[in-house]
PDB file of N, CA and C in Angstrom:
ATOM      1  N   UNK A   1       0.769  -1.208   0.062  1.00  0.00           N
ATOM      2  CA  UNK A   1       0.016  -0.025  -0.065  1.00  0.00           C
ATOM      3  C   UNK A   1       0.930   1.202   0.125  1.00  0.00           C
ATOM      4  N   UNK A   2       0.217   2.344   0.315  1.00  0.00           N
ATOM      5  CA  UNK A   2       1.048   3.611   0.059  1.00  0.00           C
ATOM      6  C   UNK A   2       1.771   3.707   1.332  1.00  0.00           C
ATOM      7  N   UNK A   3       2.922   4.338   1.316  1.00  0.00           N
ATOM      8  CA  UNK A   3       3.598   4.513   2.520  1.00  0.00           C
ATOM      9  C   UNK A   3       2.861   5.702   3.421  1.00  0.00           C
ATOM     10  N   UNK A   4       3.279   5.520   4.806  1.00  0.00           N
ATOM     11  CA  UNK A   4       2.697   6.433   5.676  1.00  0.00           C
ATOM     12  C   UNK A   4       3.252   7.797   5.329  1.00  0.00           C
ATOM     13  N   UNK A   5       2.205   8.711   5.581  1.00  0.00           N
ATOM     14  CA  UNK A   5       2.773  10.410   5.413  1.00  0.00           C
ATOM     15  C   UNK A   5       3.714  10.790   6.353  1.00  0.00           C
ATOM     16  N   UNK A   6       3.483  10.211   7.814  1.00  0.00           N
ATOM     17  CA  UNK A   6       4.354  10.571   9.044  1.00  0.00           C
ATOM     18  C   UNK A   6       5.238   9.371   9.331  1.00  0.00           C
ATOM     19  N   UNK A   7       6.570   9.605   9.433  1.00  0.00           N
ATOM     20  CA  UNK A   7       7.211   8.373   9.803  1.00  0.00           C
ATOM     21  C   UNK A   7       7.172   7.900  11.266  1.00  0.00           C
ATOM     22  N   UNK A   8       7.717   6.967  11.513  1.00  0.00           N
ATOM     23  CA  UNK A   8       7.582   6.377  12.958  1.00  0.00           C
ATOM     24  C   UNK A   8       8.205   7.490  14.042  1.00  0.00           C
ATOM     25  N   UNK A   9       9.283   7.910  13.938  1.00  0.00           N
ATOM     26  CA  UNK A   9       9.902   8.998  14.736  1.00  0.00           C
ATOM     27  C   UNK A   9       8.942  10.310  14.914  1.00  0.00           C
ATOM     28  N   UNK A  10       8.442  10.602  13.682  1.00  0.00           N
ATOM     29  CA  UNK A  10       7.504  11.840  13.667  1.00  0.00           C
ATOM     30  C   UNK A  10       6.108  11.407  14.458  1.00  0.00           C
ATOM     31  N   UNK A  11       5.699  10.401  14.500  1.00  0.00           N
ATOM     32  CA  UNK A  11       4.486   9.821  15.127  1.00  0.00           C
ATOM     33  C   UNK A  11       4.788   9.798  16.535  1.00  0.00           C
ATOM     34  N   UNK A  12       5.794   9.207  16.986  1.00  0.00           N
ATOM     35  CA  UNK A  12       6.345   9.200  18.438  1.00  0.00           C
ATOM     36  C   UNK A  12       6.254  10.686  19.006  1.00  0.00           C
ATOM     37  N   UNK A  13       7.142  11.458  18.319  1.00  0.00           N
ATOM     38  CA  UNK A  13       7.141  12.779  18.845  1.00  0.00           C
ATOM     39  C   UNK A  13       5.740  13.622  18.913  1.00  0.00           C
ATOM     40  N   UNK A  14       4.984  13.261  17.979  1.00  0.00           N
ATOM     41  CA  UNK A  14       3.533  13.805  18.073  1.00  0.00           C
ATOM     42  C   UNK A  14       2.915  13.437  19.136  1.00  0.00           C
ATOM     43  N   UNK A  15       2.786  12.181  19.365  1.00  0.00           N
ATOM     44  CA  UNK A  15       2.088  11.492  20.585  1.00  0.00           C
ATOM     45  C   UNK A  15       2.628  11.863  21.868  1.00  0.00           C
ATOM     46  N   UNK A  16       3.926  12.123  21.905  1.00  0.00           N
ATOM     47  CA  UNK A  16       4.540  12.757  23.278  1.00  0.00           C
ATOM     48  C   UNK A  16       4.071  14.017  23.477  1.00  0.00           C
ATOM     49  N   UNK A  17       4.252  14.849  22.437  1.00  0.00           N
ATOM     50  CA  UNK A  17       3.718  16.300  22.665  1.00  0.00           C
ATOM     51  C   UNK A  17       2.461  16.312  22.920  1.00  0.00           C
ATOM     52  N   UNK A  18       1.532  15.781  22.469  1.00  0.00           N
ATOM     53  CA  UNK A  18      -0.010  15.841  22.798  1.00  0.00           C
ATOM     54  C   UNK A  18      -0.182  15.192  24.263  1.00  0.00           C
ATOM     55  N   UNK A  19       0.502  14.200  24.579  1.00  0.00           N
ATOM     56  CA  UNK A  19       0.320  13.568  25.939  1.00  0.00           C
ATOM     57  C   UNK A  19       1.007  14.551  26.882  1.00  0.00           C
ATOM     58  N   UNK A  20       2.031  15.133  26.464  1.00  0.00           N
ATOM     59  CA  UNK A  20       2.643  16.115  27.581  1.00  0.00           C
ATOM     60  C   UNK A  20       1.841  17.217  28.005  1.00  0.00           C
ATOM     61  N   UNK A  21       1.194  17.944  26.672  1.00  0.00           N
ATOM     62  CA  UNK A  21       0.353  18.966  26.905  1.00  0.00           C
ATOM     63  C   UNK A  21      -0.831  18.847  26.412  1.00  0.00           C
ATOM     64  N   UNK A  22      -1.965  18.320  27.084  1.00  0.00           N
ATOM     65  CA  UNK A  22      -3.250  17.814  26.403  1.00  0.00           C
ATOM     66  C   UNK A  22      -4.076  19.081  25.954  1.00  0.00           C
ATOM     67  N   UNK A  23      -3.782  20.172  26.321  1.00  0.00           N
ATOM     68  CA  UNK A  23      -4.688  21.334  25.791  1.00  0.00           C
ATOM     69  C   UNK A  23      -3.994  21.764  24.382  1.00  0.00           C
ATOM     70  N   UNK A  24      -3.061  21.314  23.721  1.00  0.00           N
ATOM     71  CA  UNK A  24      -2.468  21.488  22.501  1.00  0.00           C
ATOM     72  C   UNK A  24      -3.460  21.444  21.524  1.00  0.00           C
ATOM     73  N   UNK A  25      -3.614  22.311  20.480  1.00  0.00           N
ATOM     74  CA  UNK A  25      -4.485  22.116  19.336  1.00  0.00           C
ATOM     75  C   UNK A  25      -4.075  21.283  18.166  1.00  0.00           C
ATOM     76  N   UNK A  26      -4.631  20.892  17.237  1.00  0.00           N
ATOM     77  CA  UNK A  26      -4.165  20.069  16.122  1.00  0.00           C
ATOM     78  C   UNK A  26      -3.325  21.177  15.103  1.00  0.00           C
ATOM     79  N   UNK A  27      -3.717  22.395  15.171  1.00  0.00           N
ATOM     80  CA  UNK A  27      -3.108  23.311  14.407  1.00  0.00           C
ATOM     81  C   UNK A  27      -1.483  23.619  14.827  1.00  0.00           C
ATOM     82  N   UNK A  28      -1.607  23.586  16.246  1.00  0.00           N
ATOM     83  CA  UNK A  28      -0.036  23.746  16.836  1.00  0.00           C
ATOM     84  C   UNK A  28       0.688  22.506  16.803  1.00  0.00           C
ATOM     85  N   UNK A  29       0.144  21.206  16.654  1.00  0.00           N
ATOM     86  CA  UNK A  29       0.680  20.098  16.283  1.00  0.00           C
ATOM     87  C   UNK A  29       1.280  19.890  15.034  1.00  0.00           C
ATOM     88  N   UNK A  30       0.323  20.298  14.143  1.00  0.00           N
ATOM     89  CA  UNK A  30       0.681  20.532  12.747  1.00  0.00           C
ATOM     90  C   UNK A  30       1.819  21.455  12.469  1.00  0.00           C
ATOM     91  N   UNK A  31       1.977  22.471  13.111  1.00  0.00           N
ATOM     92  CA  UNK A  31       3.098  23.458  12.967  1.00  0.00           C
ATOM     93  C   UNK A  31       4.405  22.665  13.636  1.00  0.00           C
ATOM     94  N   UNK A  32       4.291  22.020  14.633  1.00  0.00           N
ATOM     95  CA  UNK A  32       5.222  21.152  15.239  1.00  0.00           C
ATOM     96  C   UNK A  32       5.801  20.176  14.380  1.00  0.00           C
ATOM     97  N   UNK A  33       5.120  19.418  13.529  1.00  0.00           N
ATOM     98  CA  UNK A  33       5.512  18.554  12.564  1.00  0.00           C
ATOM     99  C   UNK A  33       6.322  19.067  11.417  1.00  0.00           C
ATOM    100  N   UNK A  34       5.905  20.325  11.125  1.00  0.00           N
ATOM    101  CA  UNK A  34       6.476  21.099   9.996  1.00  0.00           C
ATOM    102  C   UNK A  34       7.961  21.429  10.579  1.00  0.00           C
ATOM    103  N   UNK A  35       7.998  21.897  11.493  1.00  0.00           N
ATOM    104  CA  UNK A  35       9.535  22.263  12.116  1.00  0.00           C
ATOM    105  C   UNK A  35      10.284  20.740  12.396  1.00  0.00           C
ATOM    106  N   UNK A  36       9.769  19.625  12.559  1.00  0.00           N
ATOM    107  CA  UNK A  36      10.554  18.510  12.459  1.00  0.00           C
ATOM    108  C   UNK A  36      11.034  18.080  11.123  1.00  0.00           C
ATOM    109  N   UNK A  37      10.260  18.702  10.127  1.00  0.00           N
ATOM    110  CA  UNK A  37      10.708  18.522   8.557  1.00  0.00           C
ATOM    111  C   UNK A  37       9.810  17.704   7.973  1.00  0.00           C
ATOM    112  N   UNK A  38       8.451  17.410   8.492  1.00  0.00           N
ATOM    113  CA  UNK A  38       7.499  16.441   7.831  1.00  0.00           C
ATOM    114  C   UNK A  38       6.078  17.249   8.072  1.00  0.00           C
ATOM    115  N   UNK A  39       5.281  17.064   6.943  1.00  0.00           N
ATOM    116  CA  UNK A  39       4.112  17.992   7.015  1.00  0.00           C
ATOM    117  C   UNK A  39       3.054  16.986   6.949  1.00  0.00           C
ATOM    118  N   UNK A  40       1.957  17.042   7.846  1.00  0.00           N
ATOM    119  CA  UNK A  40       0.800  16.298   7.728  1.00  0.00           C
ATOM    120  C   UNK A  40      -0.281  17.076   8.036  1.00  0.00           C
ATOM    121  N   UNK A  41      -1.532  16.578   7.329  1.00  0.00           N
ATOM    122  CA  UNK A  41      -2.765  17.449   7.342  1.00  0.00           C
ATOM    123  C   UNK A  41      -3.202  17.165   8.754  1.00  0.00           C
ATOM    124  N   UNK A  42      -4.283  17.895   9.230  1.00  0.00           N
ATOM    125  CA  UNK A  42      -4.718  17.707  10.676  1.00  0.00           C
ATOM    126  C   UNK A  42      -5.549  16.654  10.764  1.00  0.00           C
ATOM    127  N   UNK A  43      -6.159  15.984   9.698  1.00  0.00           N
ATOM    128  CA  UNK A  43      -6.968  14.746   9.822  1.00  0.00           C
ATOM    129  C   UNK A  43      -5.845  13.712  10.088  1.00  0.00           C
ATOM    130  N   UNK A  44      -4.765  13.854   9.314  1.00  0.00           N
ATOM    131  CA  UNK A  44      -3.722  12.650   9.358  1.00  0.00           C
ATOM    132  C   UNK A  44      -3.098  12.681  10.860  1.00  0.00           C
ATOM    133  N   UNK A  45      -3.022  14.047  11.532  1.00  0.00           N
ATOM    134  CA  UNK A  45      -2.444  14.229  12.835  1.00  0.00           C
ATOM    135  C   UNK A  45      -3.612  13.630  13.839  1.00  0.00           C
ATOM    136  N   UNK A  46      -4.768  13.967  13.673  1.00  0.00           N
ATOM    137  CA  UNK A  46      -6.018  13.406  14.285  1.00  0.00           C
ATOM    138  C   UNK A  46      -6.074  11.764  14.155  1.00  0.00           C
ATOM    139  N   UNK A  47      -6.064  11.266  13.137  1.00  0.00           N
ATOM    140  CA  UNK A  47      -5.880   9.770  13.073  1.00  0.00           C
ATOM    141  C   UNK A  47      -4.723   9.073  13.918  1.00  0.00           C
ATOM    142  N   UNK A  48      -3.676   9.667  13.835  1.00  0.00           N
ATOM    143  CA  UNK A  48      -2.376   9.222  14.380  1.00  0.00           C
ATOM    144  C   UNK A  48      -2.718   9.322  16.064  1.00  0.00           C
ATOM    145  N   UNK A  49      -3.240  10.322  16.462  1.00  0.00           N
ATOM    146  CA  UNK A  49      -3.455  10.436  17.820  1.00  0.00           C
ATOM    147  C   UNK A  49      -4.573   9.509  18.299  1.00  0.00           C
ATOM    148  N   UNK A  50      -5.698   9.278  17.404  1.00  0.00           N
ATOM    149  CA  UNK A  50      -6.811   8.283  17.755  1.00  0.00           C
ATOM    150  C   UNK A  50      -6.267   6.957  18.041  1.00  0.00           C
ATOM    151  N   UNK A  51      -5.574   6.617  16.897  1.00  0.00           N
ATOM    152  CA  UNK A  51      -4.800   5.216  17.061  1.00  0.00           C
ATOM    153  C   UNK A  51      -4.039   4.868  18.358  1.00  0.00           C
ATOM    154  N   UNK A  52      -3.297   6.025  18.943  1.00  0.00           N
ATOM    155  CA  UNK A  52      -2.651   5.921  19.955  1.00  0.00           C
ATOM    156  C   UNK A  52      -3.664   5.792  21.234  1.00  0.00           C
ATOM    157  N   UNK A  53      -4.904   6.292  21.271  1.00  0.00           N
ATOM    158  CA  UNK A  53      -5.701   6.358  22.414  1.00  0.00           C
ATOM    159  C   UNK A  53      -5.899   7.680  22.855  1.00  0.00           C
ATOM    160  N   UNK A  54      -5.581   8.753  21.980  1.00  0.00           N
ATOM    161  CA  UNK A  54      -5.617   9.948  22.516  1.00  0.00           C
ATOM    162  C   UNK A  54      -6.943  10.784  21.890  1.00  0.00           C
ATOM    163  N   UNK A  55      -7.877  11.321  22.383  1.00  0.00           N
ATOM    164  CA  UNK A  55      -8.920  11.973  21.968  1.00  0.00           C
ATOM    165  C   UNK A  55      -9.198  13.341  22.413  1.00  0.00           C
ATOM    166  N   UNK A  56      -9.749  14.186  21.592  1.00  0.00           N
ATOM    167  CA  UNK A  56     -10.073  15.503  22.080  1.00  0.00           C
ATOM    168  C   UNK A  56     -11.422  15.703  22.584  1.00  0.00           C
ATOM    169  N   UNK A  57     -11.595  15.441  23.778  1.00  0.00           N
ATOM    170  CA  UNK A  57     -12.701  15.361  24.440  1.00  0.00           C
ATOM    171  C   UNK A  57     -12.652  16.603  25.594  1.00  0.00           C
ATOM    172  N   UNK A  58     -13.757  17.242  25.664  1.00  0.00           N
ATOM    173  CA  UNK A  58     -13.785  18.368  26.751  1.00  0.00           C
ATOM    174  C   UNK A  58     -14.771  18.030  27.864  1.00  0.00           C
ATOM    175  N   UNK A  59     -14.203  18.048  29.096  1.00  0.00           N
ATOM    176  CA  UNK A  59     -15.251  17.731  30.237  1.00  0.00           C
ATOM    177  C   UNK A  59     -16.264  18.620  30.391  1.00  0.00           C
ATOM    178  N   UNK A  60     -17.431  17.954  30.853  1.00  0.00           N
ATOM    179  CA  UNK A  60     -18.578  18.848  30.864  1.00  0.00           C
ATOM    180  C   UNK A  60     -18.623  19.768  32.110  1.00  0.00           C
ATOM    181  N   UNK A  61     -19.139  20.992  31.802  1.00  0.00           N
ATOM    182  CA  UNK A  61     -18.963  22.272  32.868  1.00  0.00           C
ATOM    183  C   UNK A  61     -20.123  21.907  33.931  1.00  0.00           C
ATOM    184  N   UNK A  62     -19.867  21.731  34.973  1.00  0.00           N
ATOM    185  CA  UNK A  62     -20.868  21.619  36.057  1.00  0.00           C
ATOM    186  C   UNK A  62     -20.792  22.754  37.162  1.00  0.00           C
ATOM    187  N   UNK A  63     -22.048  23.330  37.411  1.00  0.00           N
ATOM    188  CA  UNK A  63     -22.034  24.613  38.164  1.00  0.00           C
ATOM    189  C   UNK A  63     -21.763  24.291  39.635  1.00  0.00           C
ATOM    190  N   UNK A  64     -20.911  25.205  40.201  1.00  0.00           N
ATOM    191  CA  UNK A  64     -20.583  25.067  41.519  1.00  0.00           C
ATOM    192  C   UNK A  64     -21.766  25.145  42.443  1.00  0.00           C
ATOM    193  N   UNK A  65     -21.687  24.768  43.566  1.00  0.00           N
ATOM    194  CA  UNK A  65     -22.891  24.894  44.711  1.00  0.00           C
ATOM    195  C   UNK A  65     -22.807  26.294  45.413  1.00  0.00           C
ATOM    196  N   UNK A  66     -24.041  27.049  45.246  1.00  0.00           N
ATOM    197  CA  UNK A  66     -24.245  28.223  45.849  1.00  0.00           C
ATOM    198  C   UNK A  66     -24.320  28.164  47.378  1.00  0.00           C
ATOM    199  N   UNK A  67     -24.208  29.165  48.254  1.00  0.00           N
ATOM    200  CA  UNK A  67     -24.018  28.908  49.660  1.00  0.00           C
ATOM    201  C   UNK A  67     -25.601  28.648  49.988  1.00  0.00           C
ATOM    202  N   UNK A  68     -26.618  29.196  49.444  1.00  0.00           N
ATOM    203  CA  UNK A  68     -27.931  28.922  49.594  1.00  0.00           C
ATOM    204  C   UNK A  68     -28.188  27.446  49.359  1.00  0.00           C
ATOM    205  N   UNK A  69     -27.735  26.981  48.270  1.00  0.00           N
ATOM    206  CA  UNK A  69     -27.993  25.245  48.091  1.00  0.00           C
ATOM    207  C   UNK A  69     -27.298  24.502  49.243  1.00  0.00           C
ATOM    208  N   UNK A  70     -26.043  24.991  49.388  1.00  0.00           N
ATOM    209  CA  UNK A  70     -25.500  24.096  50.610  1.00  0.00           C
ATOM    210  C   UNK A  70     -26.161  24.292  51.927  1.00  0.00           C
ATOM    211  N   UNK A  71     -26.848  25.276  52.131  1.00  0.00           N
ATOM    212  CA  UNK A  71     -27.781  25.719  53.222  1.00  0.00           C
ATOM    213  C   UNK A  71     -28.898  24.780  53.524  1.00  0.00           C
ATOM    214  N   UNK A  72     -29.479  24.677  52.174  1.00  0.00           N
ATOM    215  CA  UNK A  72     -30.692  23.833  52.151  1.00  0.00           C
ATOM    216  C   UNK A  72     -30.482  22.420  52.019  1.00  0.00           C
ATOM    217  N   UNK A  73     -29.450  21.932  51.476  1.00  0.00           N
ATOM    218  CA  UNK A  73     -28.931  20.679  51.670  1.00  0.00           C
ATOM    219  C   UNK A  73     -28.680  20.202  53.176  1.00  0.00           C
ATOM    220  N   UNK A  74     -28.007  21.102  53.920  1.00  0.00           N
ATOM    221  CA  UNK A  74     -27.676  20.774  55.263  1.00  0.00           C
ATOM    222  C   UNK A  74     -29.072  20.830  55.943  1.00  0.00           C
ATOM    223  N   UNK A  75     -29.945  21.590  55.900  1.00  0.00           N
ATOM    224  CA  UNK A  75     -31.243  21.734  56.532  1.00  0.00           C
ATOM    225  C   UNK A  75     -31.982  20.420  56.234  1.00  0.00           C
ATOM    226  N   UNK A  76     -31.847  19.928  54.882  1.00  0.00           N
ATOM    227  CA  UNK A  76     -32.651  18.732  54.653  1.00  0.00           C
ATOM    228  C   UNK A  76     -32.197  17.462  55.381  1.00  0.00           C
ATOM    229  N   UNK A  77     -30.739  17.329  55.436  1.00  0.00           N
ATOM    230  CA  UNK A  77     -30.128  16.428  55.920  1.00  0.00           C
ATOM    231  C   UNK A  77     -30.228  16.233  57.499  1.00  0.00           C
ATOM    232  N   UNK A  78     -30.182  17.535  58.132  1.00  0.00           N
ATOM    233  CA  UNK A  78     -30.444  17.401  59.511  1.00  0.00           C
ATOM    234  C   UNK A  78     -31.754  17.191  60.080  1.00  0.00           C
ATOM    235  N   UNK A  79     -32.727  17.521  59.147  1.00  0.00           N
ATOM    236  CA  UNK A  79     -34.168  17.236  59.498  1.00  0.00           C
ATOM    237  C   UNK A  79     -34.424  15.871  59.416  1.00  0.00           C
ATOM    238  N   UNK A  80     -33.715  14.932  58.825  1.00  0.00           N
ATOM    239  CA  UNK A  80     -34.109  13.468  58.658  1.00  0.00           C
ATOM    240  C   UNK A  80     -33.137  12.855  59.357  1.00  0.00           C
ATOM    241  N   UNK A  81     -32.299  13.287  60.260  1.00  0.00           N
ATOM    242  CA  UNK A  81     -31.238  12.490  61.032  1.00  0.00           C
ATOM    243  C   UNK A  81     -31.881  11.712  62.017  1.00  0.00           C
ATOM    244  N   UNK A  82     -32.881  11.858  62.737  1.00  0.00           N
ATOM    245  CA  UNK A  82     -33.383  10.967  63.647  1.00  0.00           C
ATOM    246  C   UNK A  82     -34.350   9.798  63.132  1.00  0.00           C
ATOM    247  N   UNK A  83     -34.654   9.620  61.966  1.00  0.00           N
ATOM    248  CA  UNK A  83     -35.430   8.839  61.267  1.00  0.00           C
ATOM    249  C   UNK A  83     -35.007   7.425  61.430  1.00  0.00           C
ATOM    250  N   UNK A  84     -35.722   6.430  61.548  1.00  0.00           N
ATOM    251  CA  UNK A  84     -35.289   5.181  61.685  1.00  0.00           C
ATOM    252  C   UNK A  84     -34.957   4.473  60.095  1.00  0.00           C
ATOM    253  N   UNK A  85     -34.195   3.332  60.061  1.00  0.00           N
ATOM    254  CA  UNK A  85     -33.834   2.667  58.856  1.00  0.00           C
ATOM    255  C   UNK A  85     -35.049   2.208  58.363  1.00  0.00           C
ATOM    256  N   UNK A  86     -36.158   1.680  58.996  1.00  0.00           N
ATOM    257  CA  UNK A  86     -37.350   1.281  58.456  1.00  0.00           C
ATOM    258  C   UNK A  86     -38.039   2.321  57.551  1.00  0.00           C
ATOM    259  N   UNK A  87     -38.099   3.519  58.111  1.00  0.00           N
ATOM    260  CA  UNK A  87     -38.681   4.644  57.551  1.00  0.00           C
ATOM    261  C   UNK A  87     -37.790   5.047  56.184  1.00  0.00           C
ATOM    262  N   UNK A  88     -36.588   4.856  55.988  1.00  0.00           N
ATOM    263  CA  UNK A  88     -35.813   4.943  54.711  1.00  0.00           C
ATOM    264  C   UNK A  88     -36.105   3.820  53.650  1.00  0.00           C
ATOM    265  N   UNK A  89     -36.481   2.724  54.155  1.00  0.00           N
ATOM    266  CA  UNK A  89     -36.805   1.614  53.289  1.00  0.00           C
ATOM    267  C   UNK A  89     -38.104   1.819  52.251  1.00  0.00           C
ATOM    268  N   UNK A  90     -38.789   2.718  53.042  1.00  0.00           N
ATOM    269  CA  UNK A  90     -40.097   2.998  52.282  1.00  0.00           C
ATOM    270  C   UNK A  90     -39.781   4.196  51.242  1.00  0.00           C
ATOM    271  N   UNK A  91     -38.876   4.786  51.252  1.00  0.00           N
ATOM    272  CA  UNK A  91     -38.503   5.932  50.400  1.00  0.00           C
ATOM    273  C   UNK A  91     -38.242   5.343  49.050  1.00  0.00           C
ATOM    274  N   UNK A  92     -38.742   5.947  47.878  1.00  0.00           N
ATOM    275  CA  UNK A  92     -38.459   5.675  46.649  1.00  0.00           C
ATOM    276  C   UNK A  92     -37.431   6.480  46.125  1.00  0.00           C
ATOM    277  N   UNK A  93     -36.246   6.151  45.833  1.00  0.00           N
ATOM    278  CA  UNK A  93     -35.136   6.671  45.407  1.00  0.00           C
ATOM    279  C   UNK A  93     -35.148   6.808  43.768  1.00  0.00           C
ATOM    280  N   UNK A  94     -35.728   7.767  42.997  1.00  0.00           N
ATOM    281  CA  UNK A  94     -35.675   8.007  41.775  1.00  0.00           C
ATOM    282  C   UNK A  94     -34.502   8.684  41.022  1.00  0.00           C
ATOM    283  N   UNK A  95     -33.965   9.507  41.876  1.00  0.00           N
ATOM    284  CA  UNK A  95     -32.704  10.114  41.182  1.00  0.00           C
ATOM    285  C   UNK A  95     -31.450  10.317  42.063  1.00  0.00           C
ATOM    286  N   UNK A  96     -30.489   9.693  41.635  1.00  0.00           N
ATOM    287  CA  UNK A  96     -29.349   9.633  42.600  1.00  0.00           C
ATOM    288  C   UNK A  96     -28.313  10.500  41.685  1.00  0.00           C
ATOM    289  N   UNK A  97     -27.865  11.618  42.177  1.00  0.00           N
ATOM    290  CA  UNK A  97     -26.916  12.436  41.422  1.00  0.00           C
ATOM    291  C   UNK A  97     -25.623  12.638  42.396  1.00  0.00           C
ATOM    292  N   UNK A  98     -24.590  12.361  41.702  1.00  0.00           N
ATOM    293  CA  UNK A  98     -23.328  12.637  42.381  1.00  0.00           C
ATOM    294  C   UNK A  98     -22.779  14.256  42.145  1.00  0.00           C
ATOM    295  N   UNK A  99     -22.719  14.621  43.508  1.00  0.00           N
ATOM    296  CA  UNK A  99     -22.308  16.040  43.642  1.00  0.00           C
ATOM    297  C   UNK A  99     -20.795  16.082  44.194  1.00  0.00           C
ATOM    298  N   UNK A 100     -20.137  17.036  43.695  1.00  0.00           N
ATOM    299  CA  UNK A 100     -18.674  17.465  44.152  1.00  0.00           C
ATOM    300  C   UNK A 100     -18.778  19.036  44.467  1.00  0.00           C
ATOM    301  N   UNK A 101     -18.203  19.238  45.557  1.00  0.00           N
ATOM    302  CA  UNK A 101     -17.934  20.759  45.882  1.00  0.00           C
ATOM    303  C   UNK A 101     -16.583  21.120  45.685  1.00  0.00           C
ATOM    304  N   UNK A 102     -16.375  22.167  44.798  1.00  0.00           N
ATOM    305  CA  UNK A 102     -15.199  22.690  44.730  1.00  0.00           C
ATOM    306  C   UNK A 102     -14.801  23.838  45.362  1.00  0.00           C
ATOM    307  N   UNK A 103     -13.852  23.907  46.059  1.00  0.00           N
ATOM    308  CA  UNK A 103     -13.618  25.288  46.873  1.00  0.00           C
ATOM    309  C   UNK A 103     -14.392  25.536  47.895  1.00  0.00           C
TER     310      UNK A 103
END
């Protein structure tokens, strides 16, 4: 078949650079391959990164808990502290959400 556009050495350098700084864009990686002496299209670079297990995904942004929400959660929890385990068996849990507080 057709020989690969990027050599093994250029592919390794590309993967190392993308793993070292995960916020680097495809255009920046493309410029770095030109500096090495090889040229590659963005889709070629993207394909090389995908084959190595690196994907350009962005984490979903979750809102931080406001002070009023923290207070209402604490009030809810303290109002049911004295209830028995038998009472909690009767509760239908329809929505379980993982919440993390940052800061």
